Protein backbone atom coordinates (compact mmCIF):
# COMPACT_ATOMS: atom_id res chain seq x y z
CA UNK A 1 117.91 74.37 110.75
CA UNK A 2 114.92 72.63 109.19
CA UNK A 3 115.41 73.67 105.56
CA UNK A 4 112.31 71.83 104.39
CA UNK A 5 109.97 73.90 106.54
CA UNK A 6 111.90 77.04 105.60
CA UNK A 7 111.41 76.26 101.92
CA UNK A 8 107.71 75.66 102.48
CA UNK A 9 107.19 78.99 104.25
CA UNK A 10 109.14 80.99 101.64
CA UNK A 11 107.15 79.28 98.90
CA UNK A 12 103.94 80.12 100.69
CA UNK A 13 104.96 83.79 100.89
CA UNK A 14 105.73 83.93 97.16
CA UNK A 15 102.29 82.54 96.37
CA UNK A 16 100.67 85.28 98.41
CA UNK A 17 102.88 87.89 96.78
CA UNK A 18 101.62 86.62 93.42
CA UNK A 19 98.11 87.31 94.67
CA UNK A 20 99.07 90.81 95.77
CA UNK A 21 100.71 91.54 92.38
CA UNK A 22 97.38 90.99 90.66
CA UNK A 23 96.08 94.24 92.15
CA UNK A 24 98.50 96.56 90.27
CA UNK A 25 97.75 94.45 87.17
CA UNK A 26 94.06 95.31 87.60
CA UNK A 27 94.91 99.00 88.16
CA UNK A 28 97.04 99.01 85.01
CA UNK A 29 94.20 97.50 82.98
CA UNK A 30 91.74 100.08 84.35
CA UNK A 31 93.99 102.99 83.35
CA UNK A 32 94.94 101.52 79.96
CA UNK A 33 98.56 100.81 80.89
CA UNK A 34 98.52 97.44 79.17
CA UNK A 35 102.27 96.98 78.80
CA UNK A 36 102.90 97.77 82.48
CA UNK A 37 99.95 95.60 83.53
CA UNK A 38 101.36 92.65 81.56
CA UNK A 39 104.68 92.96 83.40
CA UNK A 40 102.93 92.79 86.78
CA UNK A 41 100.92 89.78 85.62
CA UNK A 42 104.07 88.01 84.38
CA UNK A 43 105.85 88.71 87.67
CA UNK A 44 102.85 87.35 89.57
CA UNK A 45 102.99 84.16 87.46
CA UNK A 46 106.70 83.68 88.18
CA UNK A 47 106.15 84.20 91.92
CA UNK A 48 103.29 81.72 91.97
CA UNK A 49 105.12 79.00 90.05
CA UNK A 50 108.31 79.38 92.09
CA UNK A 51 106.28 79.45 95.30
CA UNK A 52 104.52 76.23 94.32
CA UNK A 53 107.86 74.63 93.53
CA UNK A 54 109.38 75.60 96.89
CA UNK A 55 106.38 74.45 98.92
CA UNK A 56 105.76 71.28 96.90
CA UNK A 57 107.70 68.98 99.24
CA UNK A 58 105.64 69.88 102.30
CA UNK A 59 103.72 66.84 103.50
CA UNK A 60 102.23 68.11 106.76
CA UNK A 61 104.80 66.26 108.87
CA UNK A 62 106.15 69.38 110.60
CA UNK A 63 104.87 69.44 114.16
CA UNK A 64 106.71 72.41 115.63
CA UNK A 65 108.05 75.72 114.39
CA UNK A 66 110.98 76.60 116.62
CA UNK A 67 112.40 80.05 117.31
CA UNK A 68 115.32 79.54 114.92
CA UNK A 69 113.08 78.68 111.99
CA UNK A 70 110.58 81.37 112.95
CA UNK A 71 113.12 84.18 112.98
CA UNK A 72 114.93 82.92 109.87
CA UNK A 73 111.69 82.48 107.93
CA UNK A 74 110.55 86.00 108.76
CA UNK A 75 113.90 87.61 107.85
CA UNK A 76 114.29 85.68 104.60
CA UNK A 77 110.59 85.99 103.79
CA UNK A 78 110.65 89.77 103.86
CA UNK A 79 113.85 89.90 101.82
CA UNK A 80 112.61 87.44 99.18
CA UNK A 81 109.31 89.30 98.97
CA UNK A 82 111.23 92.51 98.28
CA UNK A 83 113.52 90.84 95.72
CA UNK A 84 110.56 89.80 93.56
CA UNK A 85 108.51 92.90 94.33
CA UNK A 86 111.25 95.05 92.78
CA UNK A 87 111.22 93.24 89.43
CA UNK A 88 108.28 95.16 87.86
CA UNK A 89 110.01 98.52 88.49
CA UNK A 90 113.04 97.33 86.52
CA UNK A 91 111.12 95.69 83.68
CA UNK A 92 108.95 98.78 83.16
CA UNK A 93 112.18 100.88 83.14
CA UNK A 94 110.60 103.23 85.70
CA UNK A 95 113.49 102.40 88.03
CA UNK A 96 116.07 100.95 85.60
CA UNK A 97 118.76 99.95 88.13
CA UNK A 98 117.87 96.93 90.23
CA UNK A 99 119.65 98.11 93.39
CA UNK A 100 117.51 101.28 93.32
CA UNK A 101 114.36 99.27 92.63
CA UNK A 102 115.17 96.95 95.53
CA UNK A 103 115.80 99.95 97.80
CA UNK A 104 112.40 101.39 96.85
CA UNK A 105 110.64 98.07 97.38
CA UNK A 106 112.24 97.28 100.73
CA UNK A 107 111.41 100.83 101.79
CA UNK A 108 107.80 100.08 100.84
CA UNK A 109 107.42 96.70 102.52
CA UNK A 110 109.15 97.89 105.71
CA UNK A 111 106.87 101.00 105.74
CA UNK A 112 109.96 103.23 105.73
CA UNK A 113 109.09 105.57 102.87
CA UNK A 114 112.66 106.55 101.99
CA UNK A 115 112.85 106.95 98.23
CA UNK A 116 115.42 107.22 95.46
CA UNK A 117 112.88 108.86 93.09
CA UNK A 118 113.00 112.56 92.26
CA UNK A 119 109.82 112.55 90.16
CA UNK A 120 107.17 110.29 91.66
CA UNK A 121 104.48 111.55 89.31
CA UNK A 122 106.36 110.05 86.33
CA UNK A 123 105.42 106.55 87.51
CA UNK A 124 102.48 104.68 85.99
CA UNK A 125 99.27 104.28 87.98
CA UNK A 126 100.00 100.58 88.39
CA UNK A 127 103.46 101.23 89.85
CA UNK A 128 102.19 104.05 92.07
CA UNK A 129 99.56 101.67 93.43
CA UNK A 130 102.04 98.81 93.97
CA UNK A 131 104.52 101.17 95.59
CA UNK A 132 101.89 102.35 98.10
CA UNK A 133 100.27 98.94 98.54
CA UNK A 134 103.58 97.51 99.76
CA UNK A 135 103.08 99.79 102.77
CA UNK A 136 99.73 98.24 103.53
CA UNK A 137 101.14 94.70 103.23
CA UNK A 138 104.11 95.50 105.44
CA UNK A 139 102.18 97.56 107.98
CA UNK A 140 100.54 94.68 109.80
CA UNK A 141 102.86 92.06 108.36
CA UNK A 142 102.56 89.40 105.70
CA UNK A 143 102.89 86.55 108.19
CA UNK A 144 100.04 87.88 110.30
CA UNK A 145 98.00 88.07 107.08
CA UNK A 146 98.82 84.47 106.17
CA UNK A 147 97.99 83.22 109.67
CA UNK A 148 94.67 85.08 109.48
CA UNK A 149 93.74 83.29 106.26
CA UNK A 150 94.63 79.71 107.13
CA UNK A 151 96.72 77.65 109.56
CA UNK A 152 100.15 77.11 108.06
CA UNK A 153 101.10 73.94 109.92
CA UNK A 154 100.21 71.78 112.85
CA UNK A 155 102.79 73.23 115.22
CA UNK A 156 103.22 76.60 116.89
CA UNK A 157 103.14 79.74 114.73
CA UNK A 158 103.51 82.20 117.60
CA UNK A 159 107.25 82.41 116.85
CA UNK A 160 106.39 83.91 113.44
CA UNK A 161 104.22 86.57 115.04
CA UNK A 162 106.83 87.33 117.69
CA UNK A 163 109.52 87.75 115.04
CA UNK A 164 107.42 90.05 112.88
CA UNK A 165 105.33 92.11 115.32
CA UNK A 166 106.72 95.40 116.65
CA UNK A 167 107.21 95.96 120.37
CA UNK A 168 109.10 94.62 123.39
CA UNK A 169 106.59 91.77 123.89
CA UNK A 170 103.89 90.07 121.86
CA UNK A 171 100.80 88.48 123.37
CA UNK A 172 97.67 86.90 122.01
CA UNK A 173 94.45 88.91 122.19
CA UNK A 174 92.53 85.63 122.27
CA UNK A 175 93.72 82.07 123.03
CA UNK A 176 94.33 81.00 119.42
CA UNK A 177 97.07 82.64 117.35
CA UNK A 178 95.01 82.39 114.17
CA UNK A 179 92.06 84.17 115.82
CA UNK A 180 94.41 86.90 117.08
CA UNK A 181 95.70 87.38 113.53
CA UNK A 182 92.14 87.60 112.23
CA UNK A 183 91.24 90.26 114.80
CA UNK A 184 94.33 92.32 114.00
CA UNK A 185 93.74 92.25 110.26
CA UNK A 186 90.02 92.88 110.75
CA UNK A 187 90.83 96.05 112.69
CA UNK A 188 93.50 96.98 110.15
CA UNK A 189 91.10 96.58 107.23
CA UNK A 190 88.34 98.50 109.02
CA UNK A 191 90.63 101.48 109.73
CA UNK A 192 91.80 101.39 106.10
CA UNK A 193 88.25 101.48 104.73
CA UNK A 194 87.28 104.30 107.09
CA UNK A 195 90.43 106.19 106.05
CA UNK A 196 89.62 105.91 102.33
CA UNK A 197 86.03 107.07 102.92
CA UNK A 198 87.16 109.99 105.09
CA UNK A 199 89.70 111.23 102.53
CA UNK A 200 87.18 110.90 99.69
CA UNK A 201 84.67 112.94 101.69
CA UNK A 202 87.38 115.57 102.22
CA UNK A 203 87.71 115.96 98.43
CA UNK A 204 90.66 113.70 97.60
CA UNK A 205 90.33 111.59 94.39
CA UNK A 206 89.69 107.87 94.96
CA UNK A 207 93.06 106.69 93.63
CA UNK A 208 94.91 109.24 95.76
CA UNK A 209 92.75 108.30 98.76
CA UNK A 210 93.64 104.62 98.40
CA UNK A 211 97.38 105.23 98.09
CA UNK A 212 97.44 107.84 100.85
CA UNK A 213 95.47 105.61 103.20
CA UNK A 214 97.84 102.70 102.52
CA UNK A 215 100.71 104.99 103.51
CA UNK A 216 98.92 106.46 106.54
CA UNK A 217 97.47 103.29 108.06
CA UNK A 218 100.61 101.31 107.25
CA UNK A 219 102.67 104.29 108.51
CA UNK A 220 104.74 104.16 105.33
CA UNK A 221 104.77 107.55 103.66
CA UNK A 222 105.02 106.97 99.91
CA UNK A 223 102.95 109.66 98.22
CA UNK A 224 101.57 109.93 94.70
CA UNK A 225 102.59 113.58 94.33
CA UNK A 226 106.03 115.16 94.31
CA UNK A 227 104.82 117.53 97.04
CA UNK A 228 103.74 114.56 99.21
CA UNK A 229 100.65 115.83 101.09
CA UNK A 230 101.63 119.51 100.75
CA UNK A 231 99.61 120.01 97.56
CA UNK A 232 96.29 118.98 99.12
CA UNK A 233 93.82 121.15 101.03
CA UNK A 234 94.23 121.92 104.75
CA UNK A 235 91.19 119.74 105.47
CA UNK A 236 92.82 116.73 103.82
CA UNK A 237 96.10 117.41 105.63
CA UNK A 238 94.25 117.46 108.97
CA UNK A 239 92.45 114.22 108.11
CA UNK A 240 95.76 112.53 107.26
CA UNK A 241 97.21 113.81 110.55
CA UNK A 242 94.42 112.14 112.53
CA UNK A 243 94.72 108.94 110.50
CA UNK A 244 98.47 108.70 111.07
CA UNK A 245 98.25 109.35 114.81
CA UNK A 246 95.46 106.79 115.25
CA UNK A 247 97.54 104.25 113.31
CA UNK A 248 100.39 104.70 115.79
CA UNK A 249 98.19 103.54 118.67
CA UNK A 250 98.55 100.01 120.06
CA UNK A 251 95.89 97.89 118.36
CA UNK A 252 95.05 96.35 121.72
CA UNK A 253 93.26 99.61 122.51
CA UNK A 254 90.91 99.17 119.55
CA UNK A 255 90.28 95.55 120.50
CA UNK A 256 89.40 96.61 124.06
CA UNK A 257 87.08 99.35 122.78
CA UNK A 258 85.28 96.93 120.47
CA UNK A 259 85.03 94.45 123.34
CA UNK A 260 83.61 97.23 125.55
CA UNK A 261 86.54 96.92 127.92
CA UNK A 262 86.73 100.68 128.27
CA UNK A 263 88.62 100.68 131.57
CA UNK A 264 91.37 98.49 130.10
CA UNK A 265 91.55 100.60 126.93
CA UNK A 266 92.10 103.88 128.76
CA UNK A 267 94.42 102.44 131.39
CA UNK A 268 97.23 101.57 128.96
CA UNK A 269 100.09 103.74 130.16
CA UNK A 270 102.00 103.70 126.88
CA UNK A 271 99.10 105.20 124.93
CA UNK A 272 98.63 108.03 127.44
CA UNK A 273 102.30 108.95 127.14
CA UNK A 274 102.11 108.61 123.35
CA UNK A 275 99.44 111.31 123.11
CA UNK A 276 101.17 113.46 125.76
CA UNK A 277 104.42 113.39 123.77
CA UNK A 278 102.56 114.33 120.58
CA UNK A 279 100.76 117.32 122.10
CA UNK A 280 103.80 118.58 124.04
CA UNK A 281 106.07 118.29 120.98
CA UNK A 282 103.57 119.85 118.56
CA UNK A 283 102.83 122.83 120.81
CA UNK A 284 106.54 123.44 121.47
CA UNK A 285 107.33 123.31 117.75
CA UNK A 286 104.35 125.56 116.96
CA UNK A 287 105.74 128.15 119.38
CA UNK A 288 109.20 127.82 117.82
CA UNK A 289 108.09 128.12 114.15
CA UNK A 290 105.34 130.74 114.61
CA UNK A 291 107.29 133.50 112.71
CA UNK A 292 107.52 131.26 109.59
CA UNK A 293 103.79 131.08 108.88
CA UNK A 294 101.07 133.67 108.38
CA UNK A 295 98.43 132.40 110.79
CA UNK A 296 98.23 130.41 114.00
CA UNK A 297 96.04 127.80 112.28
CA UNK A 298 98.61 127.18 109.57
CA UNK A 299 101.38 126.95 112.18
CA UNK A 300 99.47 124.38 114.26
CA UNK A 301 98.50 122.40 111.16
CA UNK A 302 102.10 122.00 109.99
CA UNK A 303 103.34 121.38 113.53
CA UNK A 304 100.86 118.62 114.38
CA UNK A 305 101.24 117.04 110.93
CA UNK A 306 105.02 116.80 111.12
CA UNK A 307 105.00 115.58 114.73
CA UNK A 308 102.37 112.99 113.77
CA UNK A 309 104.21 111.83 110.67
CA UNK A 310 107.57 111.55 112.47
CA UNK A 311 106.51 109.86 115.74
CA UNK A 312 104.38 107.35 113.84
CA UNK A 313 107.31 106.93 111.40
CA UNK A 314 105.02 107.57 108.44
CA UNK A 315 107.17 110.04 106.53
CA UNK A 316 104.64 112.25 104.74
CA UNK A 317 105.32 115.99 104.60
CA UNK A 318 103.33 119.19 104.15
CA UNK A 319 106.29 121.52 104.41
CA UNK A 320 110.09 121.43 104.30
CA UNK A 321 110.84 120.99 108.02
CA UNK A 322 114.53 120.99 107.10
CA UNK A 323 114.17 124.80 107.06
CA UNK A 324 112.76 124.95 110.60
CA UNK A 325 114.78 126.28 113.59
CA UNK A 326 117.23 123.98 115.34
CA UNK A 327 114.97 123.38 118.35
CA UNK A 328 112.15 122.07 116.16
CA UNK A 329 114.50 119.85 114.13
CA UNK A 330 116.02 118.46 117.33
CA UNK A 331 112.56 117.58 118.69
CA UNK A 332 111.75 115.81 115.42
CA UNK A 333 115.07 113.96 115.67
CA UNK A 334 114.15 112.70 119.15
CA UNK A 335 110.68 111.68 117.93
CA UNK A 336 112.35 109.68 115.15
CA UNK A 337 114.00 107.52 117.79
CA UNK A 338 111.01 107.22 120.14
CA UNK A 339 108.56 106.06 117.49
CA UNK A 340 104.98 104.92 117.96
CA UNK A 341 103.33 102.44 120.34
CA UNK A 342 104.20 98.77 120.51
CA UNK A 343 101.58 96.68 118.74
CA UNK A 344 100.95 99.39 116.14
CA UNK A 345 102.15 99.65 112.56
CA UNK A 346 104.69 102.34 113.52
CA UNK A 347 108.44 101.91 113.83
CA UNK A 348 111.10 103.35 116.11
CA UNK A 349 112.24 102.19 119.54
CA UNK A 350 108.60 102.35 120.75
CA UNK A 351 107.12 104.44 123.55
CA UNK A 352 106.82 101.39 125.81
CA UNK A 353 110.56 100.69 125.68
CA UNK A 354 111.34 104.34 126.46
CA UNK A 355 109.00 104.16 129.47
CA UNK A 356 110.61 100.93 130.66
CA UNK A 357 114.08 102.47 130.39
CA UNK A 358 113.07 105.57 132.36
CA UNK A 359 111.42 103.42 135.03
CA UNK A 360 114.56 101.26 135.25
CA UNK A 361 116.76 104.36 135.63
CA UNK A 362 114.46 105.70 138.36
CA UNK A 363 114.63 102.36 140.18
CA UNK A 364 118.44 102.30 140.05
CA UNK A 365 118.68 105.87 141.38
CA UNK A 366 116.29 105.05 144.22
CA UNK A 367 118.31 101.95 145.14
CA UNK A 368 121.47 104.04 145.34
CA UNK A 369 119.81 106.07 148.08
CA UNK A 370 118.00 103.10 149.68
CA UNK A 371 120.15 100.00 149.00
CA UNK A 372 117.84 97.62 150.90
CA UNK A 373 114.69 98.76 149.17
CA UNK A 374 112.72 96.20 147.19
CA UNK A 375 111.11 97.92 144.23
CA UNK A 376 109.30 96.41 141.25
CA UNK A 377 108.95 98.10 137.87
CA UNK A 378 105.31 98.24 136.82
CA UNK A 379 103.47 98.93 133.57
CA UNK A 380 99.68 99.25 133.53
CA UNK A 381 99.55 98.06 137.14
CA UNK A 382 101.44 94.80 136.46
CA UNK A 383 104.98 93.90 137.49
CA UNK A 384 107.36 93.64 134.55
CA UNK A 385 109.14 90.32 134.29
CA UNK A 386 112.91 90.04 134.35
CA UNK A 387 112.70 88.66 130.81
CA UNK A 388 111.01 91.85 129.53
CA UNK A 389 113.61 94.07 131.22
CA UNK A 390 116.47 91.96 129.91
CA UNK A 391 115.13 91.92 126.34
CA UNK A 392 114.64 95.70 126.45
CA UNK A 393 118.24 96.27 127.55
CA UNK A 394 119.57 93.85 124.93
CA UNK A 395 117.43 95.48 122.24
CA UNK A 396 118.74 98.96 123.08
CA UNK A 397 122.34 97.69 123.03
CA UNK A 398 121.81 96.03 119.66
CA UNK A 399 120.00 99.13 118.37
CA UNK A 400 122.92 101.46 119.03
CA UNK A 401 125.49 98.97 117.74
CA UNK A 402 123.62 98.65 114.43
CA UNK A 403 123.14 102.44 114.33
CA UNK A 404 126.81 103.28 114.79
CA UNK A 405 128.20 100.51 112.56
CA UNK A 406 125.82 101.58 109.80
CA UNK A 407 126.82 105.21 110.27
CA UNK A 408 130.51 104.38 109.95
CA UNK A 409 129.94 102.60 106.64
CA UNK A 410 127.62 105.26 105.23
CA UNK A 411 130.15 107.96 106.15
CA UNK A 412 132.46 106.50 103.48
CA UNK A 413 130.36 108.46 100.97
CA UNK A 414 131.79 111.68 102.46
CA UNK A 415 128.51 113.53 102.98
CA UNK A 416 127.96 115.76 106.00
CA UNK A 417 127.29 114.17 109.40
CA UNK A 418 123.71 115.42 109.62
CA UNK A 419 122.87 113.80 106.28
CA UNK A 420 124.57 110.50 107.11
CA UNK A 421 123.25 110.27 110.67
CA UNK A 422 119.65 111.10 109.84
CA UNK A 423 119.74 108.79 106.79
CA UNK A 424 120.67 105.86 109.04
CA UNK A 425 118.23 107.00 111.72
CA UNK A 426 115.41 107.39 109.19
CA UNK A 427 115.92 103.92 107.72
CA UNK A 428 116.58 102.08 110.99
CA UNK A 429 113.45 103.58 112.52
CA UNK A 430 111.42 103.20 109.28
CA UNK A 431 110.65 106.91 109.04
CA UNK A 432 111.46 108.01 105.49
CA UNK A 433 112.96 111.49 105.26
CA UNK A 434 115.89 112.74 107.27
CA UNK A 435 117.59 116.14 107.31
CA UNK A 436 119.86 118.11 104.99
CA UNK A 437 120.55 116.13 101.76
CA UNK A 438 117.91 113.50 102.65
CA UNK A 439 115.31 116.00 103.85
CA UNK A 440 111.61 115.92 102.89
CA UNK A 441 112.27 117.61 99.53
CA UNK A 442 115.29 115.41 98.71
CA UNK A 443 115.84 111.66 98.19
CA UNK A 444 118.34 108.86 98.85
CA UNK A 445 119.60 108.47 95.27
CA UNK A 446 122.88 110.23 96.14
CA UNK A 447 124.24 107.30 98.17
CA UNK A 448 126.58 104.66 96.76
CA UNK A 449 125.41 101.06 96.19
CA UNK A 450 127.27 99.98 99.35
CA UNK A 451 125.51 102.60 101.46
CA UNK A 452 122.16 101.69 99.93
CA UNK A 453 122.74 98.06 100.88
CA UNK A 454 123.49 99.10 104.45
CA UNK A 455 120.38 101.28 104.56
CA UNK A 456 118.29 98.43 103.14
CA UNK A 457 119.56 96.15 105.91
CA UNK A 458 118.66 98.86 108.43
CA UNK A 459 115.13 99.14 107.04
CA UNK A 460 114.57 95.40 107.37
CA UNK A 461 116.22 95.28 110.79
CA UNK A 462 114.14 98.19 112.05
CA UNK A 463 110.85 96.72 110.82
CA UNK A 464 111.60 93.26 112.23
CA UNK A 465 112.84 94.54 115.61
CA UNK A 466 116.53 93.82 114.84
CA UNK A 467 116.84 90.25 116.11
CA UNK A 468 115.58 88.24 113.08
CA UNK A 469 118.06 90.08 110.83
CA UNK A 470 120.89 89.62 113.34
CA UNK A 471 120.10 85.96 114.01
CA UNK A 472 120.56 84.99 110.33
CA UNK A 473 124.08 86.44 110.46
CA UNK A 474 125.11 83.76 113.00
CA UNK A 475 126.78 80.71 111.38
CA UNK A 476 125.21 78.46 114.03
CA UNK A 477 121.77 79.49 112.81
CA UNK A 478 122.26 77.57 109.57
CA UNK A 479 123.47 74.29 111.05
CA UNK A 480 121.22 71.44 109.96
CA UNK A 481 119.51 69.33 112.61
């Protein structure tokens, strides 16, 4: 392990977090919350000074960023960012216990949206903004942001993007990694601005529009109201539905559309299945819950919103879907696991991996009938490499191991199985709410500190596609060169 380069990268991240912390300071000053604003400013100063200290020894001599350093830097970077991002919540006494503040912050940066708060509206404007802005930072990824701003070192930075970006494979949209990062964040920023404008035009206040857009585009789910999105007008709810679903689409599609590569944009198999799953699930749920609502329009609105918020792993709510029939809750449970598209800001297993698994099963069944048949698995007209198939199988194995080990530990709290299982599922897939005691009208404050630590690990593991968090657990990872 090259500890010098690791120190430099962590220091770099802290300096950028200091920059991010200036935004809630500005919000606090605007709304007259001077004491809270001062705390955010002081935290920003500490982050900046510590970041400078950690990156001070860098002399530009690092020529290559290897996989080990890339994965370790990403895993530690996200954790360190959360550790310092939680400090203002504790110092303002809005979340007095640090373990709860850390849970809330990790939930924000990983775009999970699971909360320990029972009264969100009691927070200051500065903290509400910071809480939602962590979604926007974590949605595309802080390392992608840094690479878009400036080259970090002379060697390869693709290992950072691979470790942080969601999906079974990561490729460059253009030859240079830095240019790819710029394109991704350009698209991300454009969708964010359009989302804020759209919500303002629908009648939502500017502050609410900013925070809601951060949660929608980042697929996070922290709201500024105790009723989440349920207290807003049907028009706003429909606008948020569209924004969430569009944010769950692979960003390659938007790049192809902007590049006028329309054939390539509409030929992506994963995206077609993504929309098919959404419409099939929403219509089935609408049929199942039709007796619960007065009109067909209201039924479809709640159905499409909840399907959109669950499959994109956003976590907003317009109604208590914990009261829905078992069929509807089971569909939502399956959508929690499937997740959004690879290359989007959404979490979950990803639609592409599910497609690959089904294609692999179909191939194996066909070979049982025709043992001598030579059959290739294809996606978007291209043969999938053995490496992609192997990594998908390993990912799924690791996914279920982490899921069941986490469940066993969380079950020590003696809550019902539905609560424990969906709590782990919601955090591992970065969704937010679960069912029963962690449903959309409840929170995660009931769990013990041990369970919260497990769920925090799951949030980080889910956002970073498991492997960076698992790699740092290996003793061999920390051996010095």
